[in-house]
N, C-alpha and C. Protein backbone atom coordinates (compact mmCIF):
# COMPACT_ATOMS: atom_id res chain seq x y z
N UNK A 1 22.87 24.48 93.12
CA UNK A 1 21.57 25.21 93.17
C UNK A 1 21.18 25.50 91.77
N UNK A 2 22.14 25.84 90.99
CA UNK A 2 21.82 26.27 89.64
C UNK A 2 21.20 25.16 88.88
N UNK A 3 21.55 23.94 89.07
CA UNK A 3 20.95 22.77 88.39
C UNK A 3 19.51 22.58 88.82
N UNK A 4 19.28 22.84 90.05
CA UNK A 4 17.87 22.71 90.53
C UNK A 4 17.02 23.77 89.90
N UNK A 5 17.53 24.96 89.74
CA UNK A 5 16.76 26.08 89.16
C UNK A 5 16.53 25.78 87.69
N UNK A 6 17.48 25.25 87.01
CA UNK A 6 17.22 24.84 85.61
C UNK A 6 16.21 23.77 85.51
N UNK A 7 16.34 22.77 86.40
CA UNK A 7 15.43 21.60 86.43
C UNK A 7 14.04 22.11 86.71
N UNK A 8 13.90 23.01 87.64
CA UNK A 8 12.54 23.57 87.97
C UNK A 8 11.93 24.40 86.73
N UNK A 9 12.84 25.10 86.04
CA UNK A 9 12.36 25.78 84.88
C UNK A 9 11.94 24.80 83.73
N UNK A 10 12.65 23.69 83.64
CA UNK A 10 12.25 22.68 82.66
C UNK A 10 10.98 22.06 83.06
N UNK A 11 10.78 21.77 84.30
CA UNK A 11 9.52 21.20 84.85
C UNK A 11 8.33 22.16 84.60
N UNK A 12 8.62 23.41 84.91
CA UNK A 12 7.61 24.53 84.72
C UNK A 12 7.24 24.64 83.23
N UNK A 13 8.24 24.57 82.43
CA UNK A 13 7.99 24.76 81.01
C UNK A 13 7.25 23.53 80.47
N UNK A 14 7.57 22.36 80.99
CA UNK A 14 6.76 21.13 80.60
C UNK A 14 5.31 21.25 81.04
N UNK A 15 5.06 21.71 82.27
CA UNK A 15 3.67 21.92 82.73
C UNK A 15 2.93 22.88 81.85
N UNK A 16 3.57 24.00 81.55
CA UNK A 16 3.01 25.03 80.65
C UNK A 16 2.70 24.40 79.19
N UNK A 17 3.68 23.60 78.71
CA UNK A 17 3.47 23.03 77.42
C UNK A 17 2.31 22.05 77.47
N UNK A 18 2.16 21.24 78.55
CA UNK A 18 1.07 20.29 78.63
C UNK A 18 -0.26 21.05 78.80
N UNK A 19 -0.20 22.16 79.58
CA UNK A 19 -1.51 22.90 79.76
C UNK A 19 -1.94 23.52 78.39
N UNK A 20 -0.99 24.01 77.64
CA UNK A 20 -1.32 24.55 76.34
C UNK A 20 -1.78 23.48 75.37
N UNK A 21 -1.17 22.28 75.43
CA UNK A 21 -1.53 21.18 74.59
C UNK A 21 -2.98 20.76 74.90
N UNK A 22 -3.23 20.74 76.24
CA UNK A 22 -4.66 20.37 76.67
C UNK A 22 -5.67 21.45 76.19
N UNK A 23 -5.28 22.71 76.31
CA UNK A 23 -6.12 23.79 75.84
C UNK A 23 -6.38 23.65 74.30
N UNK A 24 -5.24 23.36 73.57
CA UNK A 24 -5.41 23.23 72.18
C UNK A 24 -6.29 22.06 71.82
N UNK A 25 -6.21 20.96 72.54
CA UNK A 25 -7.00 19.79 72.27
C UNK A 25 -8.48 20.05 72.54
N UNK A 26 -8.72 20.83 73.61
CA UNK A 26 -10.10 21.20 73.95
C UNK A 26 -10.70 22.09 72.92
N UNK A 27 -9.88 23.09 72.43
CA UNK A 27 -10.27 23.98 71.40
C UNK A 27 -10.62 23.19 70.05
N UNK A 28 -9.70 22.28 69.78
CA UNK A 28 -9.91 21.45 68.60
C UNK A 28 -11.20 20.70 68.68
N UNK A 29 -11.48 20.14 69.90
CA UNK A 29 -12.70 19.39 70.02
C UNK A 29 -13.89 20.24 69.82
N UNK A 30 -13.88 21.51 70.34
CA UNK A 30 -14.98 22.40 70.13
C UNK A 30 -15.13 22.80 68.71
N UNK A 31 -13.93 23.01 68.07
CA UNK A 31 -13.95 23.33 66.69
C UNK A 31 -14.49 22.26 65.84
N UNK A 32 -14.20 20.95 66.14
CA UNK A 32 -14.74 19.83 65.45
C UNK A 32 -16.31 19.78 65.62
N UNK A 33 -16.76 20.05 66.83
CA UNK A 33 -18.14 20.00 67.05
C UNK A 33 -18.79 21.16 66.36
N UNK A 34 -18.20 22.36 66.34
CA UNK A 34 -18.85 23.48 65.57
C UNK A 34 -18.87 23.14 64.05
N UNK A 35 -17.77 22.58 63.62
CA UNK A 35 -17.73 22.19 62.19
C UNK A 35 -18.80 21.14 61.80
N UNK A 36 -19.00 20.25 62.69
CA UNK A 36 -20.06 19.17 62.47
C UNK A 36 -21.48 19.87 62.42
N UNK A 37 -21.66 20.81 63.38
CA UNK A 37 -23.00 21.52 63.36
C UNK A 37 -23.14 22.40 62.13
N UNK A 38 -22.10 23.07 61.72
CA UNK A 38 -22.11 23.85 60.48
C UNK A 38 -22.33 22.98 59.27
N UNK A 39 -21.67 21.83 59.20
CA UNK A 39 -21.87 20.90 58.08
C UNK A 39 -23.30 20.45 58.05
N UNK A 40 -23.89 20.07 59.17
CA UNK A 40 -25.30 19.63 59.25
C UNK A 40 -26.19 20.67 58.80
N UNK A 41 -25.94 21.90 59.31
CA UNK A 41 -26.84 23.09 58.90
C UNK A 41 -26.72 23.29 57.37
N UNK A 42 -25.50 23.32 56.87
CA UNK A 42 -25.33 23.51 55.42
C UNK A 42 -25.99 22.42 54.58
N UNK A 43 -25.88 21.23 55.00
CA UNK A 43 -26.53 20.06 54.31
C UNK A 43 -28.07 20.34 54.31
N UNK A 44 -28.61 20.70 55.44
CA UNK A 44 -30.04 20.94 55.55
C UNK A 44 -30.46 22.09 54.63
N UNK A 45 -29.70 23.17 54.68
CA UNK A 45 -29.99 24.31 53.76
C UNK A 45 -29.96 23.95 52.27
N UNK A 46 -28.96 23.19 51.86
CA UNK A 46 -28.77 22.72 50.58
C UNK A 46 -29.97 21.88 50.14
N UNK A 47 -30.31 20.92 50.94
CA UNK A 47 -31.46 20.03 50.70
C UNK A 47 -32.73 20.81 50.59
N UNK A 48 -32.98 21.78 51.50
CA UNK A 48 -34.18 22.60 51.35
C UNK A 48 -34.21 23.36 50.10
N UNK A 49 -33.02 23.95 49.73
CA UNK A 49 -32.97 24.70 48.52
C UNK A 49 -33.23 23.75 47.27
N UNK A 50 -32.66 22.58 47.33
CA UNK A 50 -32.85 21.59 46.23
C UNK A 50 -34.35 21.25 46.11
N UNK A 51 -34.98 20.97 47.21
CA UNK A 51 -36.38 20.61 47.26
C UNK A 51 -37.19 21.74 46.62
N UNK A 52 -36.97 23.02 47.00
CA UNK A 52 -37.68 24.13 46.48
C UNK A 52 -37.47 24.23 44.90
N UNK A 53 -36.20 24.07 44.48
CA UNK A 53 -35.98 24.10 43.03
C UNK A 53 -36.70 22.99 42.30
N UNK A 54 -36.70 21.85 42.93
CA UNK A 54 -37.33 20.65 42.30
C UNK A 54 -38.85 20.89 42.26
N UNK A 55 -39.43 21.51 43.32
CA UNK A 55 -40.89 21.73 43.30
C UNK A 55 -41.18 22.83 42.22
N UNK A 56 -40.33 23.90 42.09
CA UNK A 56 -40.48 24.89 41.11
C UNK A 56 -40.47 24.27 39.70
N UNK A 57 -39.45 23.51 39.50
CA UNK A 57 -39.22 22.81 38.15
C UNK A 57 -40.42 21.91 37.84
N UNK A 58 -40.97 21.20 38.84
CA UNK A 58 -42.04 20.33 38.59
C UNK A 58 -43.29 21.19 38.19
N UNK A 59 -43.57 22.27 39.00
CA UNK A 59 -44.67 23.19 38.65
C UNK A 59 -44.56 23.76 37.31
N UNK A 60 -43.34 24.16 36.94
CA UNK A 60 -43.11 24.76 35.59
C UNK A 60 -43.38 23.69 34.49
N UNK A 61 -42.89 22.47 34.72
CA UNK A 61 -43.14 21.41 33.69
C UNK A 61 -44.60 21.05 33.59
N UNK A 62 -45.30 21.04 34.72
CA UNK A 62 -46.71 20.76 34.68
C UNK A 62 -47.47 21.77 33.90
N UNK A 63 -47.16 23.08 34.23
CA UNK A 63 -47.81 24.19 33.49
C UNK A 63 -47.48 24.10 31.98
N UNK A 64 -46.22 23.79 31.68
CA UNK A 64 -45.86 23.67 30.26
C UNK A 64 -46.58 22.53 29.52
N UNK A 65 -46.71 21.38 30.22
CA UNK A 65 -47.44 20.27 29.65
C UNK A 65 -48.91 20.57 29.52
N UNK A 66 -49.43 21.26 30.53
CA UNK A 66 -50.92 21.63 30.44
C UNK A 66 -51.13 22.55 29.28
N UNK A 67 -50.25 23.48 29.11
CA UNK A 67 -50.33 24.43 27.93
C UNK A 67 -50.22 23.71 26.61
N UNK A 68 -49.30 22.76 26.49
CA UNK A 68 -49.15 21.94 25.31
C UNK A 68 -50.44 21.17 24.98
N UNK A 69 -50.97 20.53 26.11
CA UNK A 69 -52.19 19.76 25.86
C UNK A 69 -53.30 20.68 25.48
N UNK A 70 -53.40 21.83 26.02
CA UNK A 70 -54.54 22.77 25.66
C UNK A 70 -54.32 23.22 24.15
N UNK A 71 -53.14 23.45 23.79
CA UNK A 71 -52.82 23.80 22.40
C UNK A 71 -53.19 22.65 21.44
N UNK A 72 -52.86 21.39 21.82
CA UNK A 72 -53.27 20.22 20.97
C UNK A 72 -54.78 20.10 20.90
N UNK A 73 -55.45 20.33 22.06
CA UNK A 73 -56.97 20.26 22.08
C UNK A 73 -57.55 21.34 21.16
N UNK A 74 -56.95 22.50 21.23
CA UNK A 74 -57.48 23.66 20.31
C UNK A 74 -57.26 23.21 18.89
N UNK A 75 -56.06 22.67 18.57
CA UNK A 75 -55.83 22.32 17.16
C UNK A 75 -56.81 21.16 16.68
N UNK A 76 -56.98 20.24 17.57
CA UNK A 76 -57.96 19.13 17.25
C UNK A 76 -59.35 19.71 16.98
N UNK A 77 -59.84 20.65 17.81
CA UNK A 77 -61.17 21.19 17.67
C UNK A 77 -61.19 22.00 16.36
N UNK A 78 -60.18 22.74 16.05
CA UNK A 78 -60.15 23.48 14.75
C UNK A 78 -60.20 22.49 13.54
N UNK A 79 -59.44 21.42 13.68
CA UNK A 79 -59.44 20.48 12.53
C UNK A 79 -60.79 19.82 12.38
N UNK A 80 -61.41 19.40 13.49
CA UNK A 80 -62.76 18.81 13.36
C UNK A 80 -63.79 19.83 12.88
N UNK A 81 -63.64 21.02 13.36
CA UNK A 81 -64.55 22.08 12.87
C UNK A 81 -64.40 22.30 11.32
N UNK A 82 -63.18 22.24 10.85
CA UNK A 82 -62.90 22.41 9.44
C UNK A 82 -63.48 21.21 8.62
N UNK A 83 -63.36 19.97 9.20
CA UNK A 83 -63.90 18.77 8.55
C UNK A 83 -65.39 18.88 8.50
N UNK A 84 -66.05 19.26 9.69
CA UNK A 84 -67.51 19.45 9.71
C UNK A 84 -68.02 20.47 8.68
N UNK A 85 -67.22 21.58 8.59
CA UNK A 85 -67.58 22.58 7.61
C UNK A 85 -67.51 22.10 6.17
N UNK A 86 -66.43 21.35 5.92
CA UNK A 86 -66.30 20.79 4.49
C UNK A 86 -67.40 19.79 4.15
N UNK A 87 -67.67 19.01 5.25
CA UNK A 87 -68.75 17.99 5.03
C UNK A 87 -70.10 18.72 4.88
N UNK A 88 -70.38 19.69 5.59
CA UNK A 88 -71.64 20.36 5.52
C UNK A 88 -71.78 21.01 4.09
N UNK A 89 -70.78 21.58 3.65
CA UNK A 89 -70.76 22.29 2.34
C UNK A 89 -70.97 21.28 1.15
N UNK A 90 -70.56 20.06 1.33
CA UNK A 90 -70.68 19.02 0.30
C UNK A 90 -71.74 18.01 0.58
N UNK A 91 -72.50 18.20 1.56
CA UNK A 91 -73.48 17.26 2.00
C UNK A 91 -74.53 16.92 0.92
N UNK A 92 -75.04 17.92 0.19
CA UNK A 92 -76.05 17.71 -0.81
C UNK A 92 -75.41 16.92 -1.97
N UNK A 93 -74.15 17.29 -2.38
CA UNK A 93 -73.46 16.64 -3.46
C UNK A 93 -73.21 15.17 -3.11
N UNK A 94 -72.77 14.93 -1.91
CA UNK A 94 -72.49 13.58 -1.49
C UNK A 94 -73.79 12.72 -1.38
N UNK A 95 -74.86 13.36 -0.93
CA UNK A 95 -76.16 12.56 -0.82
C UNK A 95 -76.54 12.24 -2.21
N UNK A 96 -76.44 13.13 -3.18
CA UNK A 96 -76.91 12.84 -4.58
C UNK A 96 -76.01 11.63 -5.13
N UNK A 97 -74.74 11.69 -4.92
CA UNK A 97 -73.86 10.64 -5.35
C UNK A 97 -74.25 9.26 -4.72
N UNK A 98 -74.44 9.34 -3.45
CA UNK A 98 -74.83 8.02 -2.74
C UNK A 98 -76.17 7.57 -3.33
N UNK A 99 -77.15 8.42 -3.46
CA UNK A 99 -78.41 8.11 -4.03
C UNK A 99 -78.30 7.43 -5.37
N UNK A 100 -77.48 8.05 -6.18
CA UNK A 100 -77.20 7.54 -7.55
C UNK A 100 -76.52 6.19 -7.53
N UNK A 101 -75.68 5.92 -6.58
CA UNK A 101 -75.02 4.63 -6.43
C UNK A 101 -76.00 3.62 -6.00
N UNK A 102 -76.87 3.95 -5.00
CA UNK A 102 -77.81 2.97 -4.46
C UNK A 102 -78.96 2.64 -5.43
N UNK A 103 -79.54 3.72 -5.91
CA UNK A 103 -80.78 3.57 -6.79
C UNK A 103 -80.30 3.30 -8.23
N UNK A 104 -79.23 3.81 -8.62
CA UNK A 104 -78.83 3.65 -10.00
C UNK A 104 -79.16 4.87 -10.83
N UNK A 105 -78.50 4.98 -11.93
CA UNK A 105 -78.82 6.14 -12.78
C UNK A 105 -80.09 5.87 -13.54
N UNK A 106 -81.03 6.74 -13.37
CA UNK A 106 -82.32 6.57 -14.03
C UNK A 106 -82.26 6.85 -15.56
N UNK A 107 -81.22 7.39 -16.10
CA UNK A 107 -81.12 7.74 -17.44
C UNK A 107 -80.79 6.55 -18.22
């Protein structure tokens, strides 16, 4: 009788071990699914953050380039204005020189 009792305990222990192994397998499957969902959520969040950073960087670079172009335009306008001013102040002198070259010196 004692052998049967030991055998029954072994069978019962085996059933409990199998049940626990099945539970662990089911839990692992749920954990794998949860991990896959978390991984997908994290990937999406990171991609969204990267898109926002890229858009911000693009906007900053566009603003920077617009400012640089405006500065260059201002510099070009100042240079042309200075050239026009110099030309205006020497216009009479240049006209006299050109006239003398074309007509010749009357002296």
